[in-house]
N, C-alpha and C. Protein backbone atom coordinates (compact mmCIF):
# COMPACT_ATOMS: atom_id res chain seq x y z
N UNK A 1 -72.74 -16.67 -6.66
CA UNK A 1 -73.66 -15.73 -7.77
C UNK A 1 -73.38 -14.26 -7.59
N UNK A 2 -73.07 -13.52 -8.97
CA UNK A 2 -72.91 -12.63 -9.01
C UNK A 2 -74.38 -11.84 -8.98
N UNK A 3 -73.86 -10.31 -8.43
CA UNK A 3 -75.15 -9.47 -7.98
C UNK A 3 -76.31 -9.48 -9.25
N UNK A 4 -75.51 -9.17 -10.37
CA UNK A 4 -76.02 -9.17 -12.29
C UNK A 4 -77.10 -10.24 -12.28
N UNK A 5 -76.35 -11.37 -11.88
CA UNK A 5 -77.60 -12.61 -12.04
C UNK A 5 -78.62 -12.77 -11.05
N UNK A 6 -78.92 -11.59 -9.99
CA UNK A 6 -80.00 -11.28 -9.28
C UNK A 6 -80.82 -10.45 -10.13
N UNK A 7 -80.42 -9.97 -11.26
CA UNK A 7 -81.42 -8.55 -11.49
C UNK A 7 -81.52 -9.23 -12.52
N UNK A 8 -81.10 -10.15 -13.34
CA UNK A 8 -81.69 -10.89 -14.92
C UNK A 8 -83.10 -11.42 -14.57
N UNK A 9 -83.68 -10.96 -15.63
CA UNK A 9 -85.02 -10.99 -16.02
C UNK A 9 -85.71 -10.23 -14.85
N UNK A 10 -85.68 -8.81 -14.00
CA UNK A 10 -86.22 -8.27 -13.17
C UNK A 10 -86.93 -7.05 -14.14
N UNK A 11 -86.31 -6.94 -15.37
CA UNK A 11 -86.94 -5.77 -16.66
C UNK A 11 -87.36 -6.85 -17.37
N UNK A 12 -88.48 -5.63 -18.10
CA UNK A 12 -88.31 -6.24 -19.07
C UNK A 12 -87.72 -5.39 -20.74
N UNK A 13 -87.15 -4.69 -20.44
CA UNK A 13 -86.00 -4.04 -21.46
C UNK A 13 -86.89 -2.83 -22.01
N UNK A 14 -87.50 -1.95 -21.61
CA UNK A 14 -87.95 -0.68 -21.48
C UNK A 14 -87.20 0.28 -21.06
N UNK A 15 -87.16 1.29 -21.98
CA UNK A 15 -85.91 2.45 -22.38
C UNK A 15 -87.08 3.71 -21.98
N UNK A 16 -86.45 4.65 -21.54
CA UNK A 16 -87.03 5.79 -21.28
C UNK A 16 -86.05 7.01 -21.15
N UNK A 17 -86.16 7.87 -22.46
CA UNK A 17 -84.90 8.93 -21.86
C UNK A 17 -85.88 10.11 -21.80
N UNK A 18 -85.19 11.24 -21.20
CA UNK A 18 -86.47 12.06 -20.46
C UNK A 18 -87.52 11.81 -20.66
N UNK A 19 -88.08 10.98 -20.34
CA UNK A 19 -89.65 10.46 -20.45
C UNK A 19 -90.30 10.31 -21.86
N UNK A 20 -88.87 10.17 -22.63
CA UNK A 20 -89.55 9.91 -23.86
C UNK A 20 -89.12 8.48 -24.33
N UNK A 21 -89.75 7.21 -25.59
CA UNK A 21 -89.10 6.24 -25.62
C UNK A 21 -87.84 6.50 -26.59
N UNK A 22 -86.95 5.70 -26.53
CA UNK A 22 -85.58 5.38 -27.60
C UNK A 22 -85.90 6.15 -28.88
N UNK A 23 -87.15 5.21 -29.17
CA UNK A 23 -87.23 5.87 -30.95
C UNK A 23 -87.46 7.24 -30.86
N UNK A 24 -88.22 7.92 -29.88
CA UNK A 24 -88.38 8.91 -30.12
C UNK A 24 -87.17 10.13 -29.46
N UNK A 25 -86.32 9.57 -28.65
CA UNK A 25 -85.63 10.66 -28.50
C UNK A 25 -84.58 10.68 -29.30
N UNK A 26 -84.02 9.36 -30.01
CA UNK A 26 -82.90 9.45 -30.76
C UNK A 26 -83.47 8.51 -31.82
N UNK A 27 -84.06 9.47 -33.11
CA UNK A 27 -84.38 9.10 -33.95
C UNK A 27 -83.87 8.44 -35.02
N UNK A 28 -82.40 8.76 -35.14
CA UNK A 28 -81.44 7.79 -36.08
C UNK A 28 -80.89 6.68 -35.33
N UNK A 29 -80.85 5.74 -36.29
CA UNK A 29 -80.80 3.88 -35.81
C UNK A 29 -79.10 4.10 -35.38
N UNK A 30 -78.49 4.85 -35.87
CA UNK A 30 -77.00 4.85 -35.29
C UNK A 30 -76.65 5.14 -33.80
N UNK A 31 -77.19 6.23 -33.34
CA UNK A 31 -77.27 6.78 -31.64
C UNK A 31 -78.12 5.93 -31.11
N UNK A 32 -78.93 5.28 -31.85
CA UNK A 32 -80.07 4.04 -30.72
C UNK A 32 -78.85 2.73 -30.48
N UNK A 33 -78.15 2.95 -31.47
CA UNK A 33 -77.05 1.70 -31.61
C UNK A 33 -76.19 1.81 -30.69
N UNK A 34 -75.35 2.74 -30.44
CA UNK A 34 -74.57 3.34 -29.68
C UNK A 34 -74.87 3.39 -28.24
N UNK A 35 -75.87 3.93 -28.33
CA UNK A 35 -76.57 3.76 -26.84
C UNK A 35 -76.45 2.53 -26.01
N UNK A 36 -76.92 1.56 -26.98
CA UNK A 36 -77.64 0.25 -26.33
C UNK A 36 -76.41 -1.21 -26.67
N UNK A 37 -75.36 -0.40 -27.06
CA UNK A 37 -73.95 -1.61 -27.51
C UNK A 37 -73.51 -2.07 -26.12
N UNK A 38 -73.60 -1.34 -24.77
CA UNK A 38 -73.04 -1.75 -23.48
C UNK A 38 -73.98 -3.07 -23.32
N UNK A 39 -75.26 -3.10 -23.50
CA UNK A 39 -76.22 -3.81 -23.18
C UNK A 39 -75.56 -5.21 -24.05
N UNK A 40 -75.13 -4.68 -25.38
CA UNK A 40 -75.32 -6.05 -26.13
C UNK A 40 -73.59 -7.01 -26.09
N UNK A 41 -72.87 -5.82 -25.56
CA UNK A 41 -71.27 -6.43 -25.37
C UNK A 41 -71.50 -7.07 -24.17
N UNK A 42 -72.12 -7.04 -22.40
CA UNK A 42 -72.42 -7.44 -21.82
C UNK A 42 -73.07 -8.57 -21.82
N UNK A 43 -74.16 -8.75 -22.78
CA UNK A 43 -74.67 -9.99 -23.09
C UNK A 43 -76.27 -9.81 -22.15
N UNK A 44 -76.77 -8.66 -22.05
CA UNK A 44 -77.94 -8.62 -20.73
C UNK A 44 -79.09 -7.37 -21.66
N UNK A 45 -78.92 -7.88 -23.00
CA UNK A 45 -80.19 -7.11 -23.51
C UNK A 45 -81.66 -7.88 -23.07
N UNK A 46 -82.29 -6.44 -22.75
CA UNK A 46 -84.03 -6.96 -22.26
C UNK A 46 -83.81 -7.30 -21.22
N UNK A 47 -82.87 -7.19 -20.61
CA UNK A 47 -82.74 -7.51 -19.09
C UNK A 47 -83.12 -6.68 -18.19
N UNK A 48 -82.88 -5.28 -18.18
CA UNK A 48 -83.07 -4.26 -17.73
C UNK A 48 -83.87 -3.21 -18.39
N UNK A 49 -84.32 -2.34 -17.14
CA UNK A 49 -85.34 -1.76 -17.55
C UNK A 49 -84.26 -0.05 -17.61
N UNK A 50 -84.50 1.00 -18.44
CA UNK A 50 -83.96 2.15 -18.27
C UNK A 50 -84.08 3.43 -18.28
N UNK A 51 -84.03 4.03 -17.58
CA UNK A 51 -84.61 5.19 -17.24
C UNK A 51 -83.59 6.10 -17.15
N UNK A 52 -83.55 7.32 -18.31
CA UNK A 52 -82.33 8.34 -18.27
C UNK A 52 -82.72 9.35 -18.44
N UNK A 53 -81.94 10.14 -17.48
CA UNK A 53 -82.72 12.10 -17.56
C UNK A 53 -80.59 12.48 -18.51
N UNK A 54 -81.15 13.29 -19.73
CA UNK A 54 -79.48 13.65 -20.42
C UNK A 54 -80.22 14.98 -20.59
N UNK A 55 -79.70 16.14 -20.79
CA UNK A 55 -79.32 17.70 -20.29
C UNK A 55 -77.77 17.69 -21.70
N UNK A 56 -78.03 18.60 -22.33
CA UNK A 56 -76.94 19.80 -22.99
C UNK A 56 -76.04 18.61 -24.14
N UNK A 57 -75.39 19.36 -24.68
CA UNK A 57 -75.04 18.89 -26.11
C UNK A 57 -75.82 18.71 -26.96
N UNK A 58 -75.25 17.69 -28.03
CA UNK A 58 -76.17 17.34 -29.42
C UNK A 58 -76.61 16.25 -29.29
N UNK A 59 -77.30 15.75 -30.32
CA UNK A 59 -77.28 14.11 -30.26
C UNK A 59 -76.60 12.97 -30.14
N UNK A 60 -75.74 13.29 -30.77
CA UNK A 60 -74.40 12.52 -31.07
C UNK A 60 -73.63 12.49 -29.35
N UNK A 61 -73.31 13.68 -29.15
CA UNK A 61 -72.76 13.97 -27.74
C UNK A 61 -73.39 13.25 -26.62
N UNK A 62 -74.61 13.57 -26.64
CA UNK A 62 -75.56 12.80 -25.64
C UNK A 62 -75.57 11.46 -25.49
N UNK A 63 -75.66 10.57 -26.82
CA UNK A 63 -75.61 9.30 -27.00
C UNK A 63 -74.55 8.69 -26.51
N UNK A 64 -73.26 9.46 -26.62
CA UNK A 64 -71.72 8.85 -26.45
C UNK A 64 -71.97 9.16 -24.44
N UNK A 65 -72.47 9.95 -23.96
CA UNK A 65 -73.00 10.00 -22.88
C UNK A 65 -73.41 9.06 -21.98
N UNK A 66 -74.67 8.69 -22.22
CA UNK A 66 -75.61 7.83 -21.86
C UNK A 66 -74.61 6.42 -22.18
N UNK A 67 -74.07 6.49 -23.17
CA UNK A 67 -73.30 5.12 -23.39
C UNK A 67 -72.44 5.21 -22.11
N UNK A 68 -72.04 5.87 -21.83
CA UNK A 68 -70.95 5.54 -20.80
C UNK A 68 -71.48 5.60 -19.35
N UNK A 69 -72.66 6.14 -19.21
CA UNK A 69 -73.65 5.80 -18.13
C UNK A 69 -73.97 4.86 -17.76
N UNK A 70 -74.43 4.03 -19.06
CA UNK A 70 -75.20 2.54 -18.92
C UNK A 70 -73.81 1.68 -18.36
N UNK A 71 -72.55 1.59 -18.94
CA UNK A 71 -71.70 0.56 -18.71
C UNK A 71 -71.12 1.31 -17.47
N UNK A 72 -70.85 2.25 -16.80
CA UNK A 72 -70.71 2.18 -15.51
C UNK A 72 -71.81 1.98 -14.67
N UNK A 73 -72.91 1.73 -14.97
CA UNK A 73 -73.89 1.34 -14.18
C UNK A 73 -74.10 -0.13 -14.02
N UNK A 74 -73.53 -0.66 -15.53
CA UNK A 74 -73.57 -2.55 -15.47
C UNK A 74 -72.49 -3.15 -14.88
N UNK A 75 -71.01 -2.00 -15.13
CA UNK A 75 -70.41 -2.50 -13.98
C UNK A 75 -69.72 -2.63 -12.47
N UNK A 76 -71.12 -1.70 -12.11
CA UNK A 76 -71.53 -1.22 -10.81
C UNK A 76 -72.81 -2.56 -10.33
N UNK A 77 -73.37 -3.05 -11.24
CA UNK A 77 -74.44 -4.32 -10.75
C UNK A 77 -73.14 -5.32 -10.86
N UNK A 78 -72.39 -5.88 -11.88
CA UNK A 78 -71.63 -6.97 -11.50
C UNK A 78 -70.20 -6.23 -11.96
N UNK A 79 -69.24 -6.34 -10.84
CA UNK A 79 -67.86 -6.27 -11.40
C UNK A 79 -67.06 -7.04 -11.97
N UNK A 80 -67.54 -8.24 -12.98
CA UNK A 80 -67.29 -9.17 -13.83
C UNK A 80 -67.16 -8.62 -15.06
N UNK A 81 -68.16 -7.21 -15.64
CA UNK A 81 -68.73 -6.87 -16.67
C UNK A 81 -67.50 -5.93 -17.10
N UNK A 82 -66.46 -5.56 -16.46
CA UNK A 82 -65.48 -3.97 -16.33
C UNK A 82 -64.82 -4.84 -17.66
N UNK A 83 -63.77 -6.04 -17.53
CA UNK A 83 -63.32 -6.39 -18.67
C UNK A 83 -63.73 -6.02 -19.95
N UNK A 84 -65.09 -6.64 -20.48
CA UNK A 84 -64.95 -6.47 -21.37
C UNK A 84 -65.66 -5.33 -21.91
N UNK A 85 -66.12 -4.64 -21.32
CA UNK A 85 -66.50 -3.25 -21.23
C UNK A 85 -65.31 -2.18 -21.24
N UNK A 86 -64.20 -2.58 -20.83
CA UNK A 86 -63.00 -1.81 -20.38
C UNK A 86 -62.50 -1.74 -22.07
N UNK A 87 -62.76 -3.20 -22.73
CA UNK A 87 -61.83 -3.77 -23.87
C UNK A 87 -62.88 -2.90 -24.76
N UNK A 88 -64.07 -2.93 -24.79
CA UNK A 88 -64.97 -2.17 -25.78
C UNK A 88 -64.43 -0.80 -25.87
N UNK A 89 -64.07 -0.37 -24.82
CA UNK A 89 -63.72 1.44 -24.76
C UNK A 89 -64.73 2.35 -24.29
N UNK A 90 -65.87 1.81 -23.27
CA UNK A 90 -66.75 2.28 -23.01
C UNK A 90 -66.97 3.05 -21.93
N UNK A 91 -65.61 2.56 -20.90
CA UNK A 91 -65.66 2.74 -19.73
C UNK A 91 -64.42 4.24 -19.71
N UNK A 92 -64.49 4.82 -21.20
CA UNK A 92 -63.29 6.00 -21.41
C UNK A 92 -64.20 7.26 -21.14
N UNK A 93 -64.02 8.45 -20.55
CA UNK A 93 -64.63 9.28 -20.50
C UNK A 93 -63.68 10.55 -21.46
N UNK A 94 -64.70 11.16 -22.31
CA UNK A 94 -64.20 11.56 -23.48
C UNK A 94 -64.37 13.21 -22.69
N UNK A 95 -63.01 13.43 -22.74
CA UNK A 95 -62.37 14.62 -21.78
C UNK A 95 -62.21 16.23 -22.63
N UNK A 96 -62.89 16.13 -24.08
CA UNK A 96 -63.21 17.27 -24.56
C UNK A 96 -64.03 18.27 -24.27
N UNK A 97 -63.52 19.27 -23.85
CA UNK A 97 -64.53 20.48 -23.60
C UNK A 97 -64.32 21.75 -24.18
N UNK A 98 -64.74 22.58 -24.49
CA UNK A 98 -64.84 23.94 -24.86
C UNK A 98 -64.10 24.76 -24.37
N UNK A 99 -63.29 25.22 -25.36
CA UNK A 99 -62.23 25.88 -25.20
C UNK A 99 -62.43 27.40 -25.00
N UNK A 100 -61.78 28.05 -23.74
CA UNK A 100 -62.53 29.62 -23.07
C UNK A 100 -62.18 30.73 -24.70
N UNK A 101 -62.83 31.85 -24.67
CA UNK A 101 -62.80 32.94 -25.67
C UNK A 101 -61.62 33.63 -24.92
N UNK A 102 -60.18 33.73 -25.50
CA UNK A 102 -59.33 34.65 -24.90
C UNK A 102 -59.41 36.25 -25.24
N UNK A 103 -59.36 37.37 -24.40
CA UNK A 103 -59.05 38.71 -24.52
C UNK A 103 -58.93 38.93 -26.47
N UNK A 104 -59.31 39.66 -26.63
CA UNK A 104 -58.95 40.85 -28.20
C UNK A 104 -58.53 39.42 -29.66
N UNK A 105 -59.54 38.54 -29.05
CA UNK A 105 -60.15 37.49 -29.86
C UNK A 105 -61.12 37.25 -30.39
N UNK A 106 -61.65 37.21 -31.26
CA UNK A 106 -62.67 36.69 -31.79
C UNK A 106 -63.74 35.92 -30.81
N UNK A 107 -62.87 34.72 -31.00
CA UNK A 107 -63.31 33.52 -30.37
C UNK A 107 -62.41 32.69 -29.68
N UNK A 108 -62.07 31.39 -29.55
CA UNK A 108 -61.30 30.79 -28.66
C UNK A 108 -59.48 30.87 -29.76
N UNK A 109 -59.77 31.06 -30.66
CA UNK A 109 -58.36 31.06 -31.44
C UNK A 109 -58.00 32.14 -32.63
N UNK A 110 -59.52 32.51 -33.19
CA UNK A 110 -59.65 33.36 -33.99
C UNK A 110 -59.23 34.64 -34.06
N UNK A 111 -58.16 35.03 -34.41
CA UNK A 111 -57.84 36.86 -34.52
C UNK A 111 -58.40 37.48 -35.21
N UNK A 112 -58.56 38.63 -34.96
CA UNK A 112 -59.55 40.12 -36.07
C UNK A 112 -58.37 39.63 -37.65
N UNK A 113 -58.83 40.43 -38.49
CA UNK A 113 -58.22 40.27 -39.54
C UNK A 113 -57.00 41.18 -39.08
N UNK A 114 -55.52 40.85 -40.10
CA UNK A 114 -54.44 41.73 -40.25
C UNK A 114 -54.54 42.40 -41.52
N UNK A 115 -53.94 43.36 -40.96
CA UNK A 115 -54.25 44.76 -42.46
C UNK A 115 -52.91 45.48 -42.22
N UNK A 116 -52.03 44.88 -43.27
CA UNK A 116 -50.30 45.55 -43.33
C UNK A 116 -50.72 47.24 -43.44
N UNK A 117 -51.20 47.96 -44.36
CA UNK A 117 -51.60 49.09 -44.75
C UNK A 117 -52.75 49.46 -44.24
């Protein structure tokens, strides 16, 4: 019997994001679907309680980060879920970060205006 089978039915599916409900924290339905997608793919909707602390970035970035964290937690609970979650792309980290500002430029790549005369 897998570890996840032991956890099934122990939660009632309540979700808390920084002390607020998912509807309060993610008003857009698209962000809520993005966050709960790993549970849907794993087929464990409503069986886990989620308590999430997230900060930084915007709503879309936070939704993606929470999705990644939930997927990793599900794999930790039941390693058999790794294959379907990996196929859905939930275990891939988005490595894009803000590029640093360079000396002599306005921003990372924006150069001062060129004047010929």
